Amino acid sequence: MVIPPVRPERVTKFLKPYVLKMQFTNKFVSAQVIHTPTATVASSASSQEKVLRLSMEKAKESTGDVAAAAKIGKILGERLLLNNIPAVSVFLKREQRYHGKVRAVIDSVREAGVKLI
């Protein structure tokens, strides 16, 4: 078991505690919330998960479009609330705009009841 290093107090004082990061490919959507002081994954959801992927294939839905991104955001929001994480901040890469899949994930997390900082 690998124990991640703990960052010094002077650094963690300025970090947002939970950060939402998203990755998109042409086939799949994944999102995860990272606890920055310990650099561990607090919660995650992906369209590559076996249960979700099989249910989407049965319904003849794509695993990489905007509707799939909305489902991933909803599932992630529910998992965050189960883990007692009420608020997260959003980290967008330079090429990510608040549009399309990114917007679907963020809006679904917000609708699930998680505050965005």
PDB file of N, CA and C in Angstrom:
ATOM      1  N   MET A   1       0.840  -1.175   0.000  1.00  0.00           N
ATOM      2  CA  MET A   1       0.000   0.000   0.000  1.00  0.00           C
ATOM      3  C   MET A   1       0.887   1.242   0.000  1.00  0.00           C
ATOM      4  N   VAL A   2       0.586   2.157  -0.884  1.00  0.00           N
ATOM      5  CA  VAL A   2       1.376   3.374  -1.002  1.00  0.00           C
ATOM      6  C   VAL A   2       0.666   4.494  -0.260  1.00  0.00           C
ATOM      7  N   ILE A   3       1.372   5.143   0.630  1.00  0.00           N
ATOM      8  CA  ILE A   3       0.822   6.271   1.375  1.00  0.00           C
ATOM      9  C   ILE A   3       1.303   7.545   0.704  1.00  0.00           C
ATOM     10  N   PRO A   4       0.357   8.387   0.229  1.00  0.00           N
ATOM     11  CA  PRO A   4       0.780   9.609  -0.467  1.00  0.00           C
ATOM     12  C   PRO A   4       1.403  10.606   0.512  1.00  0.00           C
ATOM     13  N   PRO A   5       2.321  11.412   0.026  1.00  0.00           N
ATOM     14  CA  PRO A   5       2.933  12.400   0.906  1.00  0.00           C
ATOM     15  C   PRO A   5       1.933  13.490   1.295  1.00  0.00           C
ATOM     16  N   VAL A   6       2.057  13.975   2.504  1.00  0.00           N
ATOM     17  CA  VAL A   6       1.200  15.058   2.984  1.00  0.00           C
ATOM     18  C   VAL A   6       1.932  16.367   2.736  1.00  0.00           C
ATOM     19  N   ARG A   7       1.222  17.319   2.154  1.00  0.00           N
ATOM     20  CA  ARG A   7       1.842  18.599   1.834  1.00  0.00           C
ATOM     21  C   ARG A   7       1.999  19.441   3.100  1.00  0.00           C
ATOM     22  N   PRO A   8       2.979  20.341   3.117  1.00  0.00           N
ATOM     23  CA  PRO A   8       3.181  21.197   4.281  1.00  0.00           C
ATOM     24  C   PRO A   8       1.982  22.106   4.543  1.00  0.00           C
ATOM     25  N   GLU A   9       1.819  22.534   5.787  1.00  0.00           N
ATOM     26  CA  GLU A   9       0.672  23.350   6.197  1.00  0.00           C
ATOM     27  C   GLU A   9       0.617  24.665   5.429  1.00  0.00           C
ATOM     28  N   ARG A  10       1.746  25.279   5.160  1.00  0.00           N
ATOM     29  CA  ARG A  10       1.736  26.572   4.481  1.00  0.00           C
ATOM     30  C   ARG A  10       1.223  26.444   3.046  1.00  0.00           C
ATOM     31  N   VAL A  11       1.365  25.270   2.430  1.00  0.00           N
ATOM     32  CA  VAL A  11       0.861  25.062   1.084  1.00  0.00           C
ATOM     33  C   VAL A  11      -0.628  24.720   1.107  1.00  0.00           C
ATOM     34  N   THR A  12      -1.048  23.849   2.008  1.00  0.00           N
ATOM     35  CA  THR A  12      -2.441  23.405   2.047  1.00  0.00           C
ATOM     36  C   THR A  12      -3.382  24.517   2.481  1.00  0.00           C
ATOM     37  N   LYS A  13      -2.864  25.536   3.123  1.00  0.00           N
ATOM     38  CA  LYS A  13      -3.710  26.641   3.551  1.00  0.00           C
ATOM     39  C   LYS A  13      -4.307  27.383   2.354  1.00  0.00           C
ATOM     40  N   PHE A  14      -3.614  27.377   1.224  1.00  0.00           N
ATOM     41  CA  PHE A  14      -4.065  28.123   0.060  1.00  0.00           C
ATOM     42  C   PHE A  14      -4.748  27.247  -0.998  1.00  0.00           C
ATOM     43  N   LEU A  15      -4.785  25.938  -0.776  1.00  0.00           N
ATOM     44  CA  LEU A  15      -5.395  25.046  -1.752  1.00  0.00           C
ATOM     45  C   LEU A  15      -6.881  24.889  -1.489  1.00  0.00           C
ATOM     46  N   LYS A  16      -7.637  24.689  -2.545  1.00  0.00           N
ATOM     47  CA  LYS A  16      -9.038  24.305  -2.389  1.00  0.00           C
ATOM     48  C   LYS A  16      -9.030  22.834  -1.979  1.00  0.00           C
ATOM     49  N   PRO A  17      -9.845  22.446  -0.990  1.00  0.00           N
ATOM     50  CA  PRO A  17      -9.730  21.071  -0.496  1.00  0.00           C
ATOM     51  C   PRO A  17     -10.146  20.001  -1.506  1.00  0.00           C
ATOM     52  N   TYR A  18     -11.212  20.219  -2.252  1.00  0.00           N
ATOM     53  CA  TYR A  18     -11.671  19.221  -3.219  1.00  0.00           C
ATOM     54  C   TYR A  18     -11.780  19.866  -4.602  1.00  0.00           C
ATOM     55  N   VAL A  19     -11.167  19.230  -5.593  1.00  0.00           N
ATOM     56  CA  VAL A  19     -11.129  19.782  -6.945  1.00  0.00           C
ATOM     57  C   VAL A  19     -11.716  18.763  -7.912  1.00  0.00           C
ATOM     58  N   LEU A  20     -12.647  19.216  -8.769  1.00  0.00           N
ATOM     59  CA  LEU A  20     -13.252  18.378  -9.799  1.00  0.00           C
ATOM     60  C   LEU A  20     -12.432  18.477 -11.077  1.00  0.00           C
ATOM     61  N   LYS A  21     -11.970  17.315 -11.575  1.00  0.00           N
ATOM     62  CA  LYS A  21     -11.220  17.274 -12.830  1.00  0.00           C
ATOM     63  C   LYS A  21     -11.935  16.321 -13.775  1.00  0.00           C
ATOM     64  N   MET A  22     -11.956  16.676 -15.057  1.00  0.00           N
ATOM     65  CA  MET A  22     -12.677  15.893 -16.055  1.00  0.00           C
ATOM     66  C   MET A  22     -11.762  15.526 -17.211  1.00  0.00           C
ATOM     67  N   GLN A  23     -11.975  14.320 -17.748  1.00  0.00           N
ATOM     68  CA  GLN A  23     -11.246  13.872 -18.923  1.00  0.00           C
ATOM     69  C   GLN A  23     -12.267  13.391 -19.950  1.00  0.00           C
ATOM     70  N   PHE A  24     -12.046  13.765 -21.199  1.00  0.00           N
ATOM     71  CA  PHE A  24     -12.957  13.390 -22.269  1.00  0.00           C
ATOM     72  C   PHE A  24     -12.172  12.776 -23.420  1.00  0.00           C
ATOM     73  N   THR A  25     -12.698  11.686 -23.959  1.00  0.00           N
ATOM     74  CA  THR A  25     -12.183  11.116 -25.193  1.00  0.00           C
ATOM     75  C   THR A  25     -13.369  11.008 -26.147  1.00  0.00           C
ATOM     76  N   ASN A  26     -13.111  10.512 -27.350  1.00  0.00           N
ATOM     77  CA  ASN A  26     -14.212  10.355 -28.289  1.00  0.00           C
ATOM     78  C   ASN A  26     -15.173   9.254 -27.872  1.00  0.00           C
ATOM     79  N   LYS A  27     -14.697   8.294 -27.060  1.00  0.00           N
ATOM     80  CA  LYS A  27     -15.530   7.172 -26.653  1.00  0.00           C
ATOM     81  C   LYS A  27     -16.047   7.271 -25.229  1.00  0.00           C
ATOM     82  N   PHE A  28     -15.295   7.893 -24.322  1.00  0.00           N
ATOM     83  CA  PHE A  28     -15.645   7.842 -22.904  1.00  0.00           C
ATOM     84  C   PHE A  28     -15.547   9.201 -22.232  1.00  0.00           C
ATOM     85  N   VAL A  29     -16.249   9.296 -21.100  1.00  0.00           N
ATOM     86  CA  VAL A  29     -16.231  10.488 -20.256  1.00  0.00           C
ATOM     87  C   VAL A  29     -15.873  10.029 -18.850  1.00  0.00           C
ATOM     88  N   SER A  30     -14.965  10.738 -18.186  1.00  0.00           N
ATOM     89  CA  SER A  30     -14.669  10.414 -16.793  1.00  0.00           C
ATOM     90  C   SER A  30     -14.431  11.702 -16.018  1.00  0.00           C
ATOM     91  N   ALA A  31     -14.809  11.643 -14.747  1.00  0.00           N
ATOM     92  CA  ALA A  31     -14.631  12.793 -13.864  1.00  0.00           C
ATOM     93  C   ALA A  31     -14.233  12.278 -12.496  1.00  0.00           C
ATOM     94  N   GLN A  32     -13.393  13.031 -11.813  1.00  0.00           N
ATOM     95  CA  GLN A  32     -12.971  12.633 -10.473  1.00  0.00           C
ATOM     96  C   GLN A  32     -12.775  13.862  -9.611  1.00  0.00           C
ATOM     97  N   VAL A  33     -12.977  13.668  -8.317  1.00  0.00           N
ATOM     98  CA  VAL A  33     -12.764  14.728  -7.341  1.00  0.00           C
ATOM     99  C   VAL A  33     -11.541  14.343  -6.532  1.00  0.00           C
ATOM    100  N   ILE A  34     -10.572  15.254  -6.484  1.00  0.00           N
ATOM    101  CA  ILE A  34      -9.301  14.992  -5.822  1.00  0.00           C
ATOM    102  C   ILE A  34      -9.213  15.814  -4.555  1.00  0.00           C
ATOM    103  N   HIS A  35      -8.797  15.168  -3.464  1.00  0.00           N
ATOM    104  CA  HIS A  35      -8.547  15.854  -2.205  1.00  0.00           C
ATOM    105  C   HIS A  35      -7.108  16.364  -2.267  1.00  0.00           C
ATOM    106  N   THR A  36      -6.941  17.678  -2.445  1.00  0.00           N
ATOM    107  CA  THR A  36      -5.620  18.228  -2.740  1.00  0.00           C
ATOM    108  C   THR A  36      -4.613  18.137  -1.597  1.00  0.00           C
ATOM    109  N   PRO A  37      -4.987  18.302  -0.322  1.00  0.00           N
ATOM    110  CA  PRO A  37      -3.943  18.207   0.700  1.00  0.00           C
ATOM    111  C   PRO A  37      -3.259  16.845   0.753  1.00  0.00           C
ATOM    112  N   THR A  38      -3.985  15.764   0.483  1.00  0.00           N
ATOM    113  CA  THR A  38      -3.369  14.439   0.522  1.00  0.00           C
ATOM    114  C   THR A  38      -3.128  13.869  -0.866  1.00  0.00           C
ATOM    115  N   ALA A  39      -3.562  14.560  -1.915  1.00  0.00           N
ATOM    116  CA  ALA A  39      -3.383  14.135  -3.301  1.00  0.00           C
ATOM    117  C   ALA A  39      -3.979  12.757  -3.553  1.00  0.00           C
ATOM    118  N   THR A  40      -5.179  12.521  -3.034  1.00  0.00           N
ATOM    119  CA  THR A  40      -5.873  11.262  -3.259  1.00  0.00           C
ATOM    120  C   THR A  40      -7.207  11.522  -3.946  1.00  0.00           C
ATOM    121  N   VAL A  41      -7.737  10.497  -4.578  1.00  0.00           N
ATOM    122  CA  VAL A  41      -9.023  10.603  -5.249  1.00  0.00           C
ATOM    123  C   VAL A  41     -10.123  10.366  -4.222  1.00  0.00           C
ATOM    124  N   ALA A  42     -10.987  11.366  -4.028  1.00  0.00           N
ATOM    125  CA  ALA A  42     -12.072  11.248  -3.068  1.00  0.00           C
ATOM    126  C   ALA A  42     -13.250  10.494  -3.663  1.00  0.00           C
ATOM    127  N   SER A  43     -13.553  10.747  -4.933  1.00  0.00           N
ATOM    128  CA  SER A  43     -14.658  10.080  -5.602  1.00  0.00           C
ATOM    129  C   SER A  43     -14.460  10.206  -7.105  1.00  0.00           C
ATOM    130  N   SER A  44     -15.006   9.233  -7.846  1.00  0.00           N
ATOM    131  CA  SER A  44     -14.870   9.298  -9.293  1.00  0.00           C
ATOM    132  C   SER A  44     -16.042   8.592  -9.958  1.00  0.00           C
ATOM    133  N   ALA A  45     -16.256   8.917 -11.230  1.00  0.00           N
ATOM    134  CA  ALA A  45     -17.271   8.263 -12.047  1.00  0.00           C
ATOM    135  C   ALA A  45     -16.779   8.279 -13.490  1.00  0.00           C
ATOM    136  N   SER A  46     -17.096   7.213 -14.205  1.00  0.00           N
ATOM    137  CA  SER A  46     -16.637   7.109 -15.583  1.00  0.00           C
ATOM    138  C   SER A  46     -17.629   6.296 -16.400  1.00  0.00           C
ATOM    139  N   SER A  47     -17.695   6.589 -17.679  1.00  0.00           N
ATOM    140  CA  SER A  47     -18.548   5.790 -18.549  1.00  0.00           C
ATOM    141  C   SER A  47     -17.867   4.483 -18.930  1.00  0.00           C
ATOM    142  N   GLN A  48     -16.643   4.252 -18.453  1.00  0.00           N
ATOM    143  CA  GLN A  48     -15.956   2.991 -18.668  1.00  0.00           C
ATOM    144  C   GLN A  48     -16.304   1.962 -17.592  1.00  0.00           C
ATOM    145  N   GLU A  49     -16.996   2.383 -16.536  1.00  0.00           N
ATOM    146  CA  GLU A  49     -17.389   1.439 -15.487  1.00  0.00           C
ATOM    147  C   GLU A  49     -18.298   0.382 -16.095  1.00  0.00           C
ATOM    148  N   LYS A  50     -18.087  -0.860 -15.698  1.00  0.00           N
ATOM    149  CA  LYS A  50     -18.756  -1.973 -16.356  1.00  0.00           C
ATOM    150  C   LYS A  50     -20.280  -1.886 -16.274  1.00  0.00           C
ATOM    151  N   VAL A  51     -20.821  -1.591 -15.107  1.00  0.00           N
ATOM    152  CA  VAL A  51     -22.273  -1.549 -14.931  1.00  0.00           C
ATOM    153  C   VAL A  51     -22.896  -0.450 -15.782  1.00  0.00           C
ATOM    154  N   LEU A  52     -22.299   0.724 -15.746  1.00  0.00           N
ATOM    155  CA  LEU A  52     -22.831   1.848 -16.514  1.00  0.00           C
ATOM    156  C   LEU A  52     -22.692   1.618 -18.018  1.00  0.00           C
ATOM    157  N   ARG A  53     -21.552   1.106 -18.428  1.00  0.00           N
ATOM    158  CA  ARG A  53     -21.315   0.863 -19.846  1.00  0.00           C
ATOM    159  C   ARG A  53     -22.299  -0.164 -20.401  1.00  0.00           C
ATOM    160  N   LEU A  54     -22.546  -1.243 -19.648  1.00  0.00           N
ATOM    161  CA  LEU A  54     -23.479  -2.266 -20.112  1.00  0.00           C
ATOM    162  C   LEU A  54     -24.907  -1.740 -20.191  1.00  0.00           C
ATOM    163  N   SER A  55     -25.312  -0.924 -19.209  1.00  0.00           N
ATOM    164  CA  SER A  55     -26.674  -0.379 -19.239  1.00  0.00           C
ATOM    165  C   SER A  55     -26.846   0.603 -20.399  1.00  0.00           C
ATOM    166  N   MET A  56     -25.794   1.347 -20.731  1.00  0.00           N
ATOM    167  CA  MET A  56     -25.884   2.287 -21.847  1.00  0.00           C
ATOM    168  C   MET A  56     -25.875   1.551 -23.189  1.00  0.00           C
ATOM    169  N   GLU A  57     -25.155   0.435 -23.271  1.00  0.00           N
ATOM    170  CA  GLU A  57     -25.140  -0.330 -24.510  1.00  0.00           C
ATOM    171  C   GLU A  57     -26.493  -1.003 -24.756  1.00  0.00           C
ATOM    172  N   LYS A  58     -27.144  -1.456 -23.686  1.00  0.00           N
ATOM    173  CA  LYS A  58     -28.464  -2.072 -23.834  1.00  0.00           C
ATOM    174  C   LYS A  58     -29.489  -1.056 -24.329  1.00  0.00           C
ATOM    175  N   ALA A  59     -29.372   0.179 -23.870  1.00  0.00           N
ATOM    176  CA  ALA A  59     -30.300   1.232 -24.279  1.00  0.00           C
ATOM    177  C   ALA A  59     -29.875   1.884 -25.594  1.00  0.00           C
ATOM    178  N   LYS A  60     -28.810   1.358 -26.227  1.00  0.00           N
ATOM    179  CA  LYS A  60     -28.303   1.882 -27.504  1.00  0.00           C
ATOM    180  C   LYS A  60     -27.890   3.349 -27.400  1.00  0.00           C
ATOM    181  N   GLU A  61     -27.286   3.713 -26.264  1.00  0.00           N
ATOM    182  CA  GLU A  61     -26.801   5.074 -26.059  1.00  0.00           C
ATOM    183  C   GLU A  61     -25.289   5.098 -26.210  1.00  0.00           C
ATOM    184  N   SER A  62     -24.763   6.232 -26.577  1.00  0.00           N
ATOM    185  CA  SER A  62     -23.323   6.398 -26.707  1.00  0.00           C
ATOM    186  C   SER A  62     -22.704   6.646 -25.328  1.00  0.00           C
ATOM    187  N   THR A  63     -21.458   6.220 -25.150  1.00  0.00           N
ATOM    188  CA  THR A  63     -20.766   6.441 -23.876  1.00  0.00           C
ATOM    189  C   THR A  63     -19.881   7.676 -23.913  1.00  0.00           C
ATOM    190  N   GLY A  64     -19.911   8.438 -25.006  1.00  0.00           N
ATOM    191  CA  GLY A  64     -19.019   9.580 -25.106  1.00  0.00           C
ATOM    192  C   GLY A  64     -19.682  10.881 -25.496  1.00  0.00           C
ATOM    193  N   ASP A  65     -21.007  10.953 -25.472  1.00  0.00           N
ATOM    194  CA  ASP A  65     -21.666  12.184 -25.892  1.00  0.00           C
ATOM    195  C   ASP A  65     -22.103  13.027 -24.694  1.00  0.00           C
ATOM    196  N   VAL A  66     -22.848  14.085 -24.956  1.00  0.00           N
ATOM    197  CA  VAL A  66     -23.263  15.021 -23.911  1.00  0.00           C
ATOM    198  C   VAL A  66     -24.219  14.357 -22.920  1.00  0.00           C
ATOM    199  N   ALA A  67     -25.085  13.468 -23.395  1.00  0.00           N
ATOM    200  CA  ALA A  67     -26.010  12.773 -22.492  1.00  0.00           C
ATOM    201  C   ALA A  67     -25.246  11.873 -21.522  1.00  0.00           C
ATOM    202  N   ALA A  68     -24.193  11.214 -22.005  1.00  0.00           N
ATOM    203  CA  ALA A  68     -23.359  10.386 -21.136  1.00  0.00           C
ATOM    204  C   ALA A  68     -22.634  11.259 -20.113  1.00  0.00           C
ATOM    205  N   ALA A  69     -22.193  12.434 -20.525  1.00  0.00           N
ATOM    206  CA  ALA A  69     -21.523  13.352 -19.597  1.00  0.00           C
ATOM    207  C   ALA A  69     -22.480  13.803 -18.497  1.00  0.00           C
ATOM    208  N   ALA A  70     -23.749  14.019 -18.847  1.00  0.00           N
ATOM    209  CA  ALA A  70     -24.742  14.409 -17.846  1.00  0.00           C
ATOM    210  C   ALA A  70     -24.970  13.278 -16.849  1.00  0.00           C
ATOM    211  N   LYS A  71     -25.014  12.036 -17.319  1.00  0.00           N
ATOM    212  CA  LYS A  71     -25.180  10.891 -16.420  1.00  0.00           C
ATOM    213  C   LYS A  71     -23.995  10.753 -15.475  1.00  0.00           C
ATOM    214  N   ILE A  72     -22.796  10.947 -16.007  1.00  0.00           N
ATOM    215  CA  ILE A  72     -21.587  10.856 -15.184  1.00  0.00           C
ATOM    216  C   ILE A  72     -21.604  11.926 -14.102  1.00  0.00           C
ATOM    217  N   GLY A  73     -22.011  13.140 -14.449  1.00  0.00           N
ATOM    218  CA  GLY A  73     -22.097  14.212 -13.464  1.00  0.00           C
ATOM    219  C   GLY A  73     -23.103  13.906 -12.376  1.00  0.00           C
ATOM    220  N   LYS A  74     -24.236  13.342 -12.741  1.00  0.00           N
ATOM    221  CA  LYS A  74     -25.261  12.991 -11.757  1.00  0.00           C
ATOM    222  C   LYS A  74     -24.763  11.904 -10.810  1.00  0.00           C
ATOM    223  N   ILE A  75     -24.136  10.872 -11.365  1.00  0.00           N
ATOM    224  CA  ILE A  75     -23.600   9.784 -10.539  1.00  0.00           C
ATOM    225  C   ILE A  75     -22.511  10.301  -9.621  1.00  0.00           C
ATOM    226  N   LEU A  76     -21.633  11.150 -10.137  1.00  0.00           N
ATOM    227  CA  LEU A  76     -20.554  11.712  -9.314  1.00  0.00           C
ATOM    228  C   LEU A  76     -21.119  12.570  -8.194  1.00  0.00           C
ATOM    229  N   GLY A  77     -22.139  13.377  -8.486  1.00  0.00           N
ATOM    230  CA  GLY A  77     -22.755  14.201  -7.449  1.00  0.00           C
ATOM    231  C   GLY A  77     -23.364  13.364  -6.335  1.00  0.00           C
ATOM    232  N   GLU A  78     -24.020  12.272  -6.692  1.00  0.00           N
ATOM    233  CA  GLU A  78     -24.598  11.392  -5.679  1.00  0.00           C
ATOM    234  C   GLU A  78     -23.508  10.737  -4.834  1.00  0.00           C
ATOM    235  N   ARG A  79     -22.417  10.319  -5.470  1.00  0.00           N
ATOM    236  CA  ARG A  79     -21.310   9.711  -4.723  1.00  0.00           C
ATOM    237  C   ARG A  79     -20.647  10.710  -3.792  1.00  0.00           C
ATOM    238  N   LEU A  80     -20.542  11.966  -4.220  1.00  0.00           N
ATOM    239  CA  LEU A  80     -19.955  12.990  -3.357  1.00  0.00           C
ATOM    240  C   LEU A  80     -20.810  13.219  -2.120  1.00  0.00           C
ATOM    241  N   LEU A  81     -22.116  13.266  -2.301  1.00  0.00           N
ATOM    242  CA  LEU A  81     -22.994  13.469  -1.149  1.00  0.00           C
ATOM    243  C   LEU A  81     -22.955  12.272  -0.212  1.00  0.00           C
ATOM    244  N   LEU A  82     -22.793  11.062  -0.741  1.00  0.00           N
ATOM    245  CA  LEU A  82     -22.655   9.885   0.119  1.00  0.00           C
ATOM    246  C   LEU A  82     -21.359   9.923   0.927  1.00  0.00           C
ATOM    247  N   ASN A  83     -20.311  10.536   0.360  1.00  0.00           N
ATOM    248  CA  ASN A  83     -19.027  10.657   1.050  1.00  0.00           C
ATOM    249  C   ASN A  83     -18.931  11.913   1.906  1.00  0.00           C
ATOM    250  N   ASN A  84     -20.053  12.613   2.091  1.00  0.00           N
ATOM    251  CA  ASN A  84     -20.110  13.845   2.905  1.00  0.00           C
ATOM    252  C   ASN A  84     -19.175  14.927   2.376  1.00  0.00           C
ATOM    253  N   ILE A  85     -19.176  15.133   1.074  1.00  0.00           N
ATOM    254  CA  ILE A  85     -18.416  16.213   0.447  1.00  0.00           C
ATOM    255  C   ILE A  85     -19.440  17.188  -0.127  1.00  0.00           C
ATOM    256  N   PRO A  86     -19.713  18.308   0.565  1.00  0.00           N
ATOM    257  CA  PRO A  86     -20.788  19.204   0.135  1.00  0.00           C
ATOM    258  C   PRO A  86     -20.398  20.195  -0.957  1.00  0.00           C
ATOM    259  N   ALA A  87     -19.098  20.454  -1.134  1.00  0.00           N
ATOM    260  CA  ALA A  87     -18.682  21.489  -2.088  1.00  0.00           C
ATOM    261  C   ALA A  87     -17.358  21.095  -2.743  1.00  0.00           C
ATOM    262  N   VAL A  88     -17.232  21.445  -4.018  1.00  0.00           N
ATOM    263  CA  VAL A  88     -15.996  21.210  -4.758  1.00  0.00           C
ATOM    264  C   VAL A  88     -15.686  22.437  -5.601  1.00  0.00           C
ATOM    265  N   SER A  89     -14.427  22.581  -5.955  1.00  0.00           N
ATOM    266  CA  SER A  89     -14.063  23.614  -6.923  1.00  0.00           C
ATOM    267  C   SER A  89     -13.767  22.921  -8.250  1.00  0.00           C
ATOM    268  N   VAL A  90     -13.862  23.655  -9.345  1.00  0.00           N
ATOM    269  CA  VAL A  90     -13.725  23.078 -10.678  1.00  0.00           C
ATOM    270  C   VAL A  90     -12.390  23.502 -11.271  1.00  0.00           C
ATOM    271  N   PHE A  91     -11.659  22.546 -11.806  1.00  0.00           N
ATOM    272  CA  PHE A  91     -10.397  22.817 -12.490  1.00  0.00           C
ATOM    273  C   PHE A  91     -10.593  22.509 -13.962  1.00  0.00           C
ATOM    274  N   LEU A  92     -10.498  23.536 -14.806  1.00  0.00           N
ATOM    275  CA  LEU A  92     -10.624  23.350 -16.246  1.00  0.00           C
ATOM    276  C   LEU A  92      -9.260  23.534 -16.898  1.00  0.00           C
ATOM    277  N   LYS A  93      -8.946  22.652 -17.819  1.00  0.00           N
ATOM    278  CA  LYS A  93      -7.714  22.795 -18.581  1.00  0.00           C
ATOM    279  C   LYS A  93      -7.867  23.960 -19.541  1.00  0.00           C
ATOM    280  N   ARG A  94      -6.783  24.362 -20.147  1.00  0.00           N
ATOM    281  CA  ARG A  94      -6.798  25.532 -21.017  1.00  0.00           C
ATOM    282  C   ARG A  94      -7.760  25.375 -22.182  1.00  0.00           C
ATOM    283  N   GLU A  95      -7.817  24.168 -22.764  1.00  0.00           N
ATOM    284  CA  GLU A  95      -8.672  23.973 -23.937  1.00  0.00           C
ATOM    285  C   GLU A  95     -10.122  23.685 -23.578  1.00  0.00           C
ATOM    286  N   GLN A  96     -10.431  23.489 -22.289  1.00  0.00           N
ATOM    287  CA  GLN A  96     -11.808  23.206 -21.889  1.00  0.00           C
ATOM    288  C   GLN A  96     -12.570  24.507 -21.669  1.00  0.00           C
ATOM    289  N   ARG A  97     -13.700  24.608 -22.331  1.00  0.00           N
ATOM    290  CA  ARG A  97     -14.578  25.755 -22.166  1.00  0.00           C
ATOM    291  C   ARG A  97     -15.859  25.268 -21.503  1.00  0.00           C
ATOM    292  N   TYR A  98     -16.618  26.176 -20.909  1.00  0.00           N
ATOM    293  CA  TYR A  98     -17.883  25.824 -20.280  1.00  0.00           C
ATOM    294  C   TYR A  98     -18.916  25.657 -21.392  1.00  0.00           C
ATOM    295  N   HIS A  99     -18.837  24.499 -22.057  1.00  0.00           N
ATOM    296  CA  HIS A  99     -19.665  24.261 -23.233  1.00  0.00           C
ATOM    297  C   HIS A  99     -19.705  22.757 -23.502  1.00  0.00           C
ATOM    298  N   GLY A 100     -20.820  22.242 -23.938  1.00  0.00           N
ATOM    299  CA  GLY A 100     -20.920  20.847 -24.340  1.00  0.00           C
ATOM    300  C   GLY A 100     -20.808  19.882 -23.179  1.00  0.00           C
ATOM    301  N   LYS A 101     -19.853  18.942 -23.276  1.00  0.00           N
ATOM    302  CA  LYS A 101     -19.682  17.906 -22.254  1.00  0.00           C
ATOM    303  C   LYS A 101     -19.279  18.492 -20.911  1.00  0.00           C
ATOM    304  N   VAL A 102     -18.416  19.495 -20.938  1.00  0.00           N
ATOM    305  CA  VAL A 102     -17.974  20.131 -19.689  1.00  0.00           C
ATOM    306  C   VAL A 102     -19.167  20.742 -18.961  1.00  0.00           C
ATOM    307  N   ARG A 103     -19.989  21.433 -19.697  1.00  0.00           N
ATOM    308  CA  ARG A 103     -21.181  22.054 -19.109  1.00  0.00           C
ATOM    309  C   ARG A 103     -22.146  20.994 -18.573  1.00  0.00           C
ATOM    310  N   ALA A 104     -22.299  19.891 -19.294  1.00  0.00           N
ATOM    311  CA  ALA A 104     -23.203  18.829 -18.860  1.00  0.00           C
ATOM    312  C   ALA A 104     -22.752  18.225 -17.532  1.00  0.00           C
ATOM    313  N   VAL A 105     -21.462  17.964 -17.397  1.00  0.00           N
ATOM    314  CA  VAL A 105     -20.948  17.393 -16.147  1.00  0.00           C
ATOM    315  C   VAL A 105     -21.127  18.369 -14.995  1.00  0.00           C
ATOM    316  N   ILE A 106     -20.728  19.619 -15.187  1.00  0.00           N
ATOM    317  CA  ILE A 106     -20.791  20.611 -14.114  1.00  0.00           C
ATOM    318  C   ILE A 106     -22.234  20.873 -13.695  1.00  0.00           C
ATOM    319  N   ASP A 107     -23.138  21.026 -14.658  1.00  0.00           N
ATOM    320  CA  ASP A 107     -24.538  21.276 -14.317  1.00  0.00           C
ATOM    321  C   ASP A 107     -25.169  20.086 -13.600  1.00  0.00           C
ATOM    322  N   SER A 108     -24.827  18.870 -13.998  1.00  0.00           N
ATOM    323  CA  SER A 108     -25.382  17.683 -13.343  1.00  0.00           C
ATOM    324  C   SER A 108     -24.878  17.551 -11.913  1.00  0.00           C
ATOM    325  N   VAL A 109     -23.618  17.861 -11.684  1.00  0.00           N
ATOM    326  CA  VAL A 109     -23.097  17.821 -10.310  1.00  0.00           C
ATOM    327  C   VAL A 109     -23.804  18.863  -9.461  1.00  0.00           C
ATOM    328  N   ARG A 110     -24.022  20.038 -10.030  1.00  0.00           N
ATOM    329  CA  ARG A 110     -24.706  21.110  -9.307  1.00  0.00           C
ATOM    330  C   ARG A 110     -26.161  20.718  -9.000  1.00  0.00           C
ATOM    331  N   GLU A 111     -26.849  20.095  -9.965  1.00  0.00           N
ATOM    332  CA  GLU A 111     -28.242  19.675  -9.767  1.00  0.00           C
ATOM    333  C   GLU A 111     -28.365  18.560  -8.746  1.00  0.00           C
ATOM    334  N   ALA A 112     -27.306  17.767  -8.581  1.00  0.00           N
ATOM    335  CA  ALA A 112     -27.333  16.685  -7.585  1.00  0.00           C
ATOM    336  C   ALA A 112     -27.273  17.230  -6.163  1.00  0.00           C
ATOM    337  N   GLY A 113     -26.904  18.493  -5.998  1.00  0.00           N
ATOM    338  CA  GLY A 113     -26.885  19.110  -4.678  1.00  0.00           C
ATOM    339  C   GLY A 113     -25.517  19.485  -4.152  1.00  0.00           C
ATOM    340  N   VAL A 114     -24.497  19.365  -4.974  1.00  0.00           N
ATOM    341  CA  VAL A 114     -23.133  19.726  -4.566  1.00  0.00           C
ATOM    342  C   VAL A 114     -22.893  21.170  -4.942  1.00  0.00           C
ATOM    343  N   LYS A 115     -22.356  21.958  -4.013  1.00  0.00           N
ATOM    344  CA  LYS A 115     -22.038  23.357  -4.312  1.00  0.00           C
ATOM    345  C   LYS A 115     -20.730  23.424  -5.076  1.00  0.00           C
ATOM    346  N   LEU A 116     -20.655  24.363  -6.004  1.00  0.00           N
ATOM    347  CA  LEU A 116     -19.422  24.594  -6.743  1.00  0.00           C
ATOM    348  C   LEU A 116     -18.799  25.902  -6.294  1.00  0.00           C
ATOM    349  N   ILE A 117     -17.542  25.834  -5.949  1.00  0.00           N
ATOM    350  CA  ILE A 117     -16.844  27.023  -5.444  1.00  0.00           C
ATOM    351  C   ILE A 117     -16.123  27.683  -6.597  1.00  0.00           C
TER     352      ILE A 117
END
